[in-house]
Protein backbone atom coordinates (compact mmCIF):
# COMPACT_ATOMS: atom_id res chain seq x y z
CA MET A 1 130.84 108.80 93.93
CA PHE A 2 128.06 109.21 91.41
CA GLU A 3 124.60 107.74 91.47
CA ASP A 4 122.62 106.91 88.39
CA ILE A 5 119.24 108.70 88.67
CA SER A 6 117.76 107.41 85.44
CA THR A 7 115.96 104.72 87.41
CA ASN A 8 114.93 106.94 90.32
CA PRO A 9 111.07 106.98 90.32
CA ILE A 10 111.03 110.48 91.85
CA GLU A 11 112.79 111.91 88.80
CA MET A 12 110.71 110.00 86.23
CA SER A 13 109.02 113.14 84.96
CA HIS A 14 112.42 114.69 84.14
CA VAL A 15 114.12 111.68 82.58
CA SER A 16 114.43 113.37 79.19
CA ASP A 17 116.11 116.42 80.75
CA ILE A 18 118.70 114.14 82.33
CA LEU A 19 119.37 111.79 79.45
CA TYR A 20 119.26 114.42 76.68
CA LYS A 21 120.84 117.64 77.85
CA GLU A 22 120.96 119.46 74.50
CA ASP A 23 118.53 117.67 72.20
CA ARG A 24 114.94 117.99 73.48
CA SER A 25 113.30 116.27 70.50
CA GLN A 26 113.11 112.93 72.29
CA PHE A 27 110.92 113.59 75.30
CA LEU A 28 109.26 110.84 77.30
CA GLU A 29 105.50 110.73 77.22
CA PRO A 30 104.10 111.42 80.72
CA PRO A 31 101.67 109.03 82.41
CA ARG A 32 98.04 109.23 81.38
CA LYS A 33 96.23 111.81 83.50
CA SER A 34 93.21 110.98 85.54
CA ARG A 35 89.97 112.35 84.16
CA CYS A 36 89.35 114.25 87.39
CA PHE A 37 92.69 115.97 87.98
CA GLN A 38 93.83 118.60 85.49
CA PHE A 39 97.24 120.13 85.91
CA ARG A 40 97.34 123.60 84.38
CA SER A 41 100.94 124.72 84.93
CA GLU A 42 104.31 123.69 86.30
CA GLU A 43 103.68 125.97 89.28
CA SER A 44 100.50 124.13 90.18
CA LYS A 45 102.40 120.83 89.93
CA LEU A 46 105.00 122.01 92.44
CA LYS A 47 102.28 123.29 94.79
CA GLN A 48 100.38 120.04 94.59
CA LYS A 49 103.57 118.06 95.18
CA LYS A 50 104.27 120.05 98.33
CA ARG A 51 100.67 119.89 99.50
CA LEU A 52 100.46 116.12 99.13
CA GLY A 53 104.00 115.44 100.23
CA SER A 54 102.93 113.77 103.44
CA PHE A 55 100.82 111.31 101.48
CA GLY A 56 103.60 110.06 99.29
CA SER A 57 103.22 106.49 100.46
CA LEU A 58 99.48 106.53 99.81
CA ALA A 59 99.98 108.09 96.39
CA SER A 60 102.46 105.41 95.44
CA LEU A 61 100.09 102.81 96.81
CA LEU A 62 97.17 104.08 94.75
CA SER A 63 99.10 104.71 91.53
CA PRO A 64 97.31 103.04 88.65
CA ALA A 65 99.18 100.08 87.19
CA LYS A 66 98.67 100.75 83.47
CA PRO A 67 100.30 104.21 83.25
CA VAL A 68 103.29 102.99 85.31
CA LYS A 69 103.82 100.10 82.93
CA ARG A 70 103.58 102.48 80.01
CA VAL A 71 106.21 104.83 81.43
CA GLY A 72 108.39 101.89 82.38
CA LYS A 73 108.42 100.57 78.83
CA ILE A 74 109.29 104.01 77.47
CA ILE A 75 112.15 104.41 79.95
CA GLN A 76 113.39 100.93 79.17
CA ARG A 77 113.42 101.68 75.45
CA SER A 78 115.28 104.95 76.09
CA VAL A 79 117.91 103.31 78.25
CA SER A 80 118.32 100.40 75.85
CA THR A 81 119.37 102.84 73.10
CA PHE A 82 122.60 103.37 74.97
CA ASN A 83 123.60 99.75 74.31
CA VAL A 84 125.45 99.53 77.60
CA ALA A 85 126.99 96.18 76.83
CA SER A 86 128.67 97.55 73.72
CA SER A 87 131.95 99.41 73.94
CA ASN A 88 131.06 101.65 71.01
CA ILE A 89 128.26 103.89 72.29
CA SER A 90 126.82 106.31 69.80
CA ILE A 91 124.30 108.96 70.79
CA ALA A 92 123.14 111.44 68.20
CA ALA A 93 121.91 113.98 70.67
CA SER A 94 124.81 114.53 73.06
CA PRO A 95 127.85 112.61 74.35
CA THR A 96 127.20 113.84 77.92
CA LEU A 97 125.01 112.52 80.72
CA MET A 98 123.81 114.32 83.85
CA LEU A 99 124.45 112.34 87.07
CA ARG A 100 123.84 113.28 90.71
CA ASN A 101 126.78 113.49 93.12
CA LYS A 102 125.98 111.42 96.22
CA ASN A 103 127.94 113.74 98.54
CA SER A 104 126.79 117.14 97.33
CA GLY A 105 123.47 116.15 95.76
CA LYS A 106 124.18 118.35 92.70
CA LEU A 107 123.88 117.40 89.02
CA CYS A 108 127.19 117.08 87.15
CA LYS A 109 128.19 116.50 83.52
CA ARG A 110 129.80 113.18 82.84
CA ASN A 111 131.15 111.73 79.63
CA ILE A 112 128.90 108.92 78.51
CA GLU A 113 131.81 106.70 77.54
CA ASN A 114 133.24 106.85 81.06
CA THR A 115 129.93 106.21 82.83
CA ALA A 116 128.44 103.46 80.69
CA SER A 117 129.18 100.91 83.37
CA PHE A 118 127.04 102.86 85.87
CA LEU A 119 123.87 102.62 83.75
CA THR A 120 121.37 99.92 84.65
CA PRO A 121 118.26 99.08 82.63
CA TYR A 122 114.85 99.99 84.06
CA LYS A 123 113.27 97.30 86.21
CA GLN A 124 109.54 97.25 86.73
CA PRO A 125 108.63 97.30 90.48
CA LYS A 126 107.44 94.03 91.92
CA VAL A 127 103.78 93.56 92.77
CA THR A 128 102.99 93.89 96.47
CA PRO A 129 102.82 90.33 97.83
CA ARG A 130 99.48 89.25 99.23
CA LYS A 131 99.29 88.04 102.78
CA PHE A 132 98.62 84.32 103.06
CA ARG A 133 95.66 83.78 105.32
CA SER A 134 95.77 80.33 106.93
CA ARG A 135 92.43 78.55 107.09
CA GLN A 136 93.61 75.40 108.88
CA TRP A 137 95.25 75.23 112.28
CA LEU A 138 97.91 72.76 111.12
CA ASP A 139 98.91 75.16 108.33
CA THR A 140 100.44 77.44 110.94
CA PHE A 141 103.15 74.85 111.67
CA SER A 142 105.92 73.42 109.56
CA GLN A 143 105.19 70.32 107.53
CA GLU A 144 107.17 68.07 109.89
CA LYS A 145 105.52 69.52 113.00
CA ALA A 146 102.03 69.36 111.46
CA LYS A 147 102.56 65.73 110.48
CA GLU A 148 103.73 64.84 113.97
CA MET A 149 100.78 66.59 115.64
CA LYS A 150 98.31 64.96 113.27
CA GLU A 151 99.66 61.51 114.16
CA ASN A 152 99.75 62.09 117.92
CA MET A 153 96.51 64.07 118.50
CA ASN A 154 93.09 62.56 118.97
CA PRO A 155 91.06 63.20 115.75
CA LYS A 156 88.21 64.76 117.74
CA ASP A 157 90.60 67.07 119.58
CA LEU A 158 92.12 68.06 116.25
CA LYS A 159 88.68 68.91 114.83
CA HIS A 160 87.94 70.90 117.98
CA GLN A 161 91.08 72.97 117.51
CA GLU A 162 90.36 73.47 113.81
CA ALA A 163 86.87 74.78 114.64
CA ILE A 164 88.29 77.19 117.25
CA PHE A 165 91.02 78.31 114.86
CA GLU A 166 88.40 79.14 112.20
CA LEU A 167 86.77 81.53 114.67
CA TYR A 168 90.14 82.98 115.70
CA GLN A 169 91.40 83.45 112.13
CA GLY A 170 88.12 85.07 111.12
CA GLU A 171 88.53 87.61 113.93
CA ASP A 172 92.08 88.35 112.81
CA ASP A 173 90.93 88.91 109.22
CA MET A 174 88.03 91.03 110.44
CA VAL A 175 90.25 93.35 112.47
CA GLU A 176 92.69 93.69 109.59
CA ASP A 177 89.94 94.60 107.11
CA LEU A 178 88.36 97.17 109.47
CA LYS A 179 91.72 98.83 110.05
CA LEU A 180 92.25 98.95 106.29
CA VAL A 181 88.88 100.65 105.77
CA LEU A 182 89.44 103.27 108.46
CA GLN A 183 93.07 104.08 107.65
CA THR A 184 93.22 103.75 103.87
CA TYR A 185 89.70 104.81 102.91
CA ARG A 186 88.16 107.03 105.59
CA HIS A 187 91.32 108.82 106.70
CA SER A 188 92.53 109.39 103.12
CA LEU A 189 89.17 110.65 101.89
CA PHE A 190 89.13 113.21 104.69
CA GLN A 191 92.75 114.31 104.35
CA LEU A 192 92.45 114.69 100.57
CA GLY A 193 89.29 116.78 100.98
CA ILE A 194 87.18 114.46 98.83
CA LEU A 195 84.43 113.94 101.45
CA SER A 196 83.32 116.05 104.38
CA SER A 197 83.24 114.77 107.95
CA GLU A 198 79.43 114.57 107.77
CA GLU A 199 79.51 112.45 104.61
CA LEU A 200 82.16 110.19 106.13
CA GLY A 201 79.93 109.74 109.18
CA TRP A 202 77.04 108.56 107.02
CA ILE A 203 79.13 106.19 104.88
CA PHE A 204 81.30 104.56 107.56
CA GLY A 205 78.90 104.85 110.50
CA PRO A 206 80.04 103.69 113.97
CA MET A 207 82.78 101.44 112.54
CA ASP A 208 85.20 102.51 115.30
CA LYS A 209 82.99 100.78 117.88
CA ILE A 210 82.85 97.64 115.75
CA LEU A 211 86.64 97.60 115.44
CA SER A 212 87.13 98.02 119.20
CA LEU A 213 84.65 95.21 119.85
CA HIS A 214 86.49 92.70 117.64
CA GLU A 215 89.92 93.80 118.83
CA ALA A 216 88.83 92.99 122.38
CA LEU A 217 87.74 89.47 121.37
CA LEU A 218 90.93 88.89 119.40
CA ASP A 219 93.11 89.99 122.33
CA SER A 220 91.21 87.70 124.70
CA LEU A 221 91.70 84.73 122.37
CA LYS A 222 95.40 85.49 122.03
CA GLU A 223 95.77 85.46 125.80
CA ARG A 224 94.25 81.97 125.93
CA LYS A 225 96.61 80.58 123.30
CA LYS A 226 99.21 78.12 124.54
CA GLU A 227 102.75 77.78 123.29
CA ASP A 228 101.68 75.36 120.54
CA GLY A 229 98.94 77.79 119.41
CA ALA A 230 96.05 75.75 120.83
CA ILE A 231 93.05 77.35 122.54
CA THR A 232 91.49 74.85 124.91
CA SER A 233 88.39 76.86 125.93
CA LEU A 234 86.55 80.03 124.97
CA GLY A 235 83.10 79.69 126.54
CA GLN A 236 83.68 82.23 129.30
CA ILE A 237 85.26 84.66 126.82
CA MET A 238 82.23 84.54 124.53
CA GLN A 239 79.87 84.81 127.52
CA LYS A 240 81.42 88.13 128.54
CA TRP A 241 81.87 89.39 124.97
CA TYR A 242 78.56 88.80 123.14
CA PRO A 243 76.54 91.68 124.77
CA GLY A 244 78.74 94.13 122.86
CA LEU A 245 77.24 92.83 119.60
CA GLU A 246 74.31 95.21 120.14
CA ALA A 247 76.57 97.84 118.54
CA TYR A 248 75.60 96.17 115.25
CA VAL A 249 72.05 97.53 115.59
CA SER A 250 73.13 101.10 114.82
CA TYR A 251 75.78 100.04 112.30
CA CYS A 252 73.51 97.82 110.18
CA SER A 253 70.59 100.27 110.42
CA ASN A 254 72.83 102.93 108.92
CA GLN A 255 73.86 100.79 105.94
CA ILE A 256 70.87 101.73 103.79
CA TYR A 257 71.85 105.39 104.06
CA ALA A 258 75.53 104.58 103.58
CA LYS A 259 74.91 102.69 100.36
CA ALA A 260 72.59 105.38 98.97
CA LEU A 261 75.11 108.15 99.59
CA LEU A 262 77.94 105.98 98.29
CA GLU A 263 76.14 105.38 95.00
CA GLU A 264 75.21 109.06 94.64
CA LYS A 265 78.79 110.21 95.21
CA LYS A 266 80.18 107.65 92.79
CA ALA A 267 77.76 108.79 90.09
CA HIS A 268 78.23 112.56 90.49
CA ASP A 269 81.64 113.13 92.12
CA CYS A 270 84.43 112.21 89.70
CA ARG A 271 87.16 112.70 92.31
CA PHE A 272 85.49 110.19 94.64
CA ASP A 273 84.93 107.73 91.81
CA ASP A 274 88.56 108.09 90.69
CA PHE A 275 89.81 107.44 94.24
CA LEU A 276 87.72 104.26 94.53
CA GLN A 277 88.91 103.06 91.12
CA ARG A 278 92.55 103.53 92.11
CA CYS A 279 91.95 101.60 95.33
CA LEU A 280 90.24 98.82 93.41
CA GLU A 281 93.26 98.49 91.09
CA SER A 282 95.68 98.33 94.04
CA PRO A 283 96.75 94.97 95.52
CA PHE A 284 95.58 95.77 99.06
CA SER A 285 91.90 95.80 97.98
CA ARG A 286 91.96 92.16 96.78
CA LYS A 287 89.66 93.31 93.93
CA LEU A 288 86.96 94.28 96.46
CA ASP A 289 85.23 97.66 96.29
CA LEU A 290 84.48 99.86 99.27
CA TRP A 291 80.96 98.52 99.76
CA ASN A 292 82.28 94.96 100.12
CA PHE A 293 84.47 96.14 102.99
CA LEU A 294 81.61 98.09 104.57
CA ASP A 295 79.45 94.95 104.48
CA VAL A 296 82.10 92.76 106.15
CA PRO A 297 80.77 93.32 109.73
CA ARG A 298 77.22 92.30 108.83
CA THR A 299 78.34 89.09 107.12
CA ARG A 300 80.58 88.32 110.09
CA LEU A 301 77.75 88.74 112.59
CA VAL A 302 75.52 86.07 111.04
CA LYS A 303 78.41 83.56 111.04
CA TYR A 304 78.87 83.45 114.81
CA PRO A 305 76.05 80.95 115.55
CA LEU A 306 77.38 78.60 112.87
CA LEU A 307 80.97 78.89 114.08
CA LEU A 308 80.02 78.31 117.71
CA LYS A 309 77.81 75.35 116.79
CA ALA A 310 80.75 73.78 114.96
CA ILE A 311 82.93 74.27 118.05
CA LEU A 312 80.22 72.85 120.32
CA LYS A 313 79.83 69.83 118.04
CA HIS A 314 83.46 68.81 118.54
CA THR A 315 83.64 69.78 122.23
CA PRO A 316 83.92 66.81 124.65
CA GLN A 317 80.93 66.20 126.90
CA SER A 318 82.92 66.89 130.06
CA HIS A 319 84.37 70.16 128.73
CA GLU A 320 83.49 73.40 130.53
CA ASP A 321 82.42 75.10 127.26
CA ARG A 322 79.37 72.84 127.22
CA GLU A 323 77.96 75.01 130.00
CA TYR A 324 78.42 78.36 128.22
CA LEU A 325 78.18 77.93 124.45
CA PRO A 326 74.48 76.90 124.12
CA ASP A 327 73.33 80.05 125.92
CA VAL A 328 75.80 82.22 123.96
CA ILE A 329 74.46 80.86 120.66
CA LYS A 330 70.88 81.57 121.75
CA GLN A 331 71.65 85.13 122.83
CA ILE A 332 73.57 85.92 119.64
CA ASN A 333 70.62 84.68 117.57
CA ASN A 334 68.38 87.06 119.53
CA ILE A 335 70.72 89.93 118.74
CA ILE A 336 70.71 88.99 115.05
CA GLU A 337 66.90 89.05 115.06
CA LEU A 338 66.98 92.49 116.70
CA VAL A 339 69.46 93.74 114.10
CA ASP A 340 67.28 92.40 111.27
CA ARG A 341 64.17 94.04 112.71
CA LYS A 342 65.81 97.42 113.20
CA THR A 343 67.45 97.26 109.78
CA GLY A 344 64.09 96.49 108.20
CA GLU A 345 62.52 99.45 109.94
CA ALA A 346 65.33 101.69 108.73
CA ASN A 347 64.87 100.44 105.16
CA CYS A 348 61.14 101.14 105.26
CA GLN A 349 61.67 104.58 106.74
CA PHE A 350 64.26 105.38 104.08
CA ILE A 351 61.91 104.35 101.25
CA THR A 352 58.87 106.16 102.61
CA THR A 353 60.87 109.42 102.81
CA LYS A 354 61.55 109.11 99.06
CA LEU A 355 57.89 108.66 98.01
CA ASP A 356 55.95 111.28 96.04
CA PHE A 357 52.13 111.04 96.20
CA LEU A 358 50.02 112.43 93.37
CA ASP A 359 46.76 111.79 95.22
CA GLU A 360 45.95 111.83 98.92
CA ARG A 361 44.09 108.53 98.50
CA GLN A 362 47.49 106.91 97.84
CA ARG A 363 48.65 107.68 101.40
CA ASP A 364 47.70 104.38 102.96
CA PRO A 365 48.62 104.44 106.67
CA LEU A 366 49.53 100.74 106.52
CA ILE A 367 52.41 101.54 104.16
CA GLN A 368 53.62 104.26 106.49
CA LYS A 369 53.61 101.76 109.38
CA ALA A 370 55.63 99.10 107.53
CA LYS A 371 58.40 97.50 109.59
CA SER A 372 60.17 95.31 107.06
CA LEU A 373 60.74 95.07 103.31
CA LEU A 374 60.41 91.54 101.95
CA CYS A 375 61.61 92.32 98.42
CA SER A 376 61.66 95.01 95.75
CA GLY A 377 62.50 95.26 92.08
CA ILE A 378 61.53 96.26 88.57
CA LEU A 379 58.42 94.73 86.98
CA LYS A 380 56.55 95.65 83.76
CA ASN A 381 52.81 96.20 83.63
CA ASN A 382 50.55 95.25 80.70
CA ARG A 383 51.36 98.56 78.97
CA GLY A 384 55.09 97.91 79.07
CA THR A 385 55.73 100.56 81.73
CA LYS A 386 58.55 99.74 84.12
CA LEU A 387 57.39 99.92 87.73
CA HIS A 388 59.49 99.74 90.87
CA VAL A 389 57.47 97.48 93.16
CA PHE A 390 57.97 97.27 96.94
CA LEU A 391 56.61 94.38 98.97
CA PHE A 392 56.30 95.48 102.59
CA ASP A 393 55.04 93.43 105.49
CA THR A 394 51.82 95.48 105.32
CA GLY A 395 51.12 95.46 101.59
CA VAL A 396 52.31 96.10 98.02
CA LEU A 397 53.34 99.50 96.68
CA LEU A 398 53.79 100.18 92.95
CA THR A 399 55.88 103.21 91.98
CA ARG A 400 57.69 104.82 89.06
CA SER A 401 61.24 105.97 89.67
CA ALA A 402 62.01 109.64 89.04
CA THR A 403 65.12 111.78 89.40
CA ARG A 404 65.07 114.96 91.46
CA TRP A 405 67.75 117.49 92.33
CA SER A 406 67.86 118.00 96.07
CA SER A 407 69.88 120.39 98.20
CA ASN A 408 68.16 119.47 101.47
CA SER A 409 69.38 115.90 101.67
CA SER A 410 69.53 114.52 105.17
CA MET A 411 72.67 112.60 104.26
CA ALA A 412 74.81 115.40 102.86
CA THR A 413 74.87 119.15 102.64
CA SER A 414 75.84 119.23 98.98
CA LYS A 415 73.35 119.33 96.13
CA ILE A 416 73.06 115.85 94.65
CA ASN A 417 70.93 114.03 92.12
CA THR A 418 68.57 111.77 94.09
CA THR A 419 66.17 109.04 93.00
CA ARG A 420 62.59 109.33 94.21
CA TYR A 421 59.55 107.12 93.70
CA GLN A 422 56.26 108.41 92.35
CA VAL A 423 53.40 106.29 93.69
CA TYR A 424 51.51 104.55 90.87
CA ARG A 425 47.84 103.90 91.72
CA GLU A 426 46.64 102.97 95.21
CA PRO A 427 48.70 100.63 97.40
CA ILE A 428 47.23 97.17 97.99
CA PRO A 429 47.08 96.41 101.75
CA ILE A 430 47.79 92.86 102.85
CA HIS A 431 44.21 92.17 104.00
CA GLN A 432 42.96 92.99 100.45
CA LEU A 433 45.77 91.35 98.43
CA VAL A 434 44.90 88.67 95.86
CA VAL A 435 47.73 86.93 93.99
CA GLU A 436 47.11 85.03 90.76
CA ASN A 437 49.73 83.00 88.94
CA ILE A 438 49.37 83.25 85.15
CA ARG A 439 50.76 80.51 82.94
CA ASN A 440 53.08 81.32 80.07
CA GLY A 441 51.20 82.35 76.93
CA GLU A 442 47.82 83.03 78.57
CA VAL A 443 48.01 86.82 78.27
CA ARG A 444 49.62 89.31 75.92
CA MET A 445 51.64 92.24 77.19
CA GLY A 446 51.80 95.55 75.33
CA GLY A 447 54.37 98.27 75.36
CA SER A 448 56.01 98.14 71.94
CA PHE A 449 55.06 98.64 68.30
CA ARG A 450 56.51 95.27 67.36
CA SER A 451 54.46 93.35 69.94
CA ALA A 452 51.24 94.93 68.65
CA PHE A 453 51.68 93.26 65.25
CA SER A 454 53.56 90.15 66.41
CA SER A 455 52.01 86.72 65.88
CA THR A 456 54.10 85.07 68.60
CA ASP A 457 52.67 83.43 71.69
CA GLY A 458 51.64 85.34 74.78
CA ALA A 459 53.91 86.73 77.46
CA LYS A 460 55.96 84.69 79.93
CA HIS A 461 56.78 85.12 83.63
CA VAL A 462 53.49 86.95 84.40
CA PHE A 463 51.37 87.17 87.55
CA ARG A 464 48.51 89.41 88.67
CA LEU A 465 47.90 91.42 91.84
CA SER A 466 44.42 92.74 92.66
CA PHE A 467 42.09 93.86 95.44
CA ALA A 468 39.70 91.40 97.07
CA ASP A 469 37.14 94.22 96.89
CA LYS A 470 37.15 95.27 93.23
CA ASN A 471 35.71 98.69 94.11
CA LEU A 472 38.85 99.70 96.03
CA GLY A 473 41.15 99.70 93.06
CA GLN A 474 42.22 98.09 89.81
CA SER A 475 44.27 94.94 89.28
CA HIS A 476 47.86 94.91 88.01
CA THR A 477 49.22 92.35 85.55
CA LEU A 478 52.98 92.30 86.07
CA GLN A 479 55.81 90.63 84.16
CA ALA A 480 59.11 89.57 85.74
CA SER A 481 62.42 89.49 83.92
CA ASP A 482 62.74 85.70 84.04
CA GLU A 483 61.25 82.59 85.65
CA HIS A 484 63.55 82.77 88.66
CA ASP A 485 62.53 86.38 89.35
CA LYS A 486 58.87 85.41 89.13
CA LYS A 487 59.32 82.53 91.60
CA GLN A 488 61.02 84.86 94.06
CA TRP A 489 58.11 87.28 93.94
CA LEU A 490 55.47 84.55 94.32
CA GLN A 491 57.32 82.95 97.23
CA ASN A 492 57.55 86.23 99.12
CA LEU A 493 53.93 87.11 98.35
CA ASN A 494 52.75 83.71 99.59
CA LYS A 495 54.91 84.01 102.69
CA LEU A 496 53.37 87.37 103.47
CA ILE A 497 49.77 86.26 102.82
CA ASN A 498 50.05 82.97 104.70
CA GLY A 499 51.58 84.70 107.69
CA HIS A 500 48.77 87.23 107.73
CA TRP A 501 46.18 84.46 107.31
CA LEU A 502 47.45 82.73 110.47
CA ALA A 503 47.26 85.99 112.43
CA SER A 504 43.87 87.10 111.16
CA THR A 505 40.40 85.65 110.93
CA SER A 506 39.33 87.67 107.91
CA GLY A 507 38.83 85.74 104.69
CA MET A 508 41.30 86.08 101.87
CA LYS A 509 41.43 84.72 98.31
CA VAL A 510 44.73 83.30 97.09
CA ARG A 511 45.17 81.54 93.76
CA VAL A 512 48.73 80.35 93.01
């Protein structure tokens, strides 16, 4: 007739009122509040509870683990004081307990001695089980069935099925992750009023089209599956499906803007940062942040040629897929090159819109016409100043990062703190670039009081960039953070110069 509500999670905030009717001195400590949500009164709590009532499942899903454990321990200690197993129950506060009638739903007084058998200790909720994602085709069968199939199947046919299953399982995981991003992240951020529809459009881009594209492929593969789960051919499916991959051009080109806005919102919007932190601590995220999920489509795209080559490798010579797969692989590689080219152009355009020129001579048209960004990063000059260096396909640009408040951002209507780049000296165009590798200890780098009076050897990880025509500008002695960073810069510089040398007849000095 009566139900014990001391373990009901909905009534956790009123446990002390239920367990101690008269004595209020022992009151349970509430969960630790988030740093972004301040509750000012009981009335505001009730309003918020009603307003977010439809998102109860999401709220329980995103509840941080630490505060729940803390409350659970407190409740368990409170319940254990009753000593349910003992027949002599002594409570200093009150001999009565408030229980809820199952029929009427009302709270009633009950003598604690008569209801001791109804009390159950608090049990911490179980962790949400993670879905096991099979990576081998035979793992989808029982051990006996897998052993039988392994003994009876031709080893080459088995490898062929394993290669096809890797493609199929990857599509299944892809669709599941995209649905998670759209439903749990995008939909929740909009419904909770954390981001506007315009901001969501910049961060998530045309992900709906990407999801529809992969759902279509997954459905086609499921239709080809036989009763034993085998897929004998997929060449015609891939032949009809691959043209839709051009949707990746707009999605990947938007990623530079998505990441920039994502970082700005995380740094200056505590509600957004708190939401992402709660998602990261929840089991469904698999310890991956939002950007990892947003980057899933791009990483999936570049895997298709490798997956199809593995399938083609284990495909019999007389199989019909031999007619389709080579051309599909070639066309997908062409789409990947198009995506890379358009993404590079978007990156260059994004950077050039964030440049501040102190002198009109710094506005080199070659930098404005850049189509790809080979690398970028922080390097120190001989004065110890940190410079943000960009290596474009048309030349080298040295800048100093600066923070500006902007209310006219093209990515959002709100006023945010944006990073801009102040151009430092004149850019070095590719046809004037001279690269010199400097051995460790050959030069000394300034920038600190200690280094001025230090008797140690010269600087390490240093190289020099200069103009072939000394009258056009000064040289720059730059120091990388470590030897690996220096090698990366020299490799990209040499790649750029050698490529330009093959396409041009003008002389160029290179010393590496």
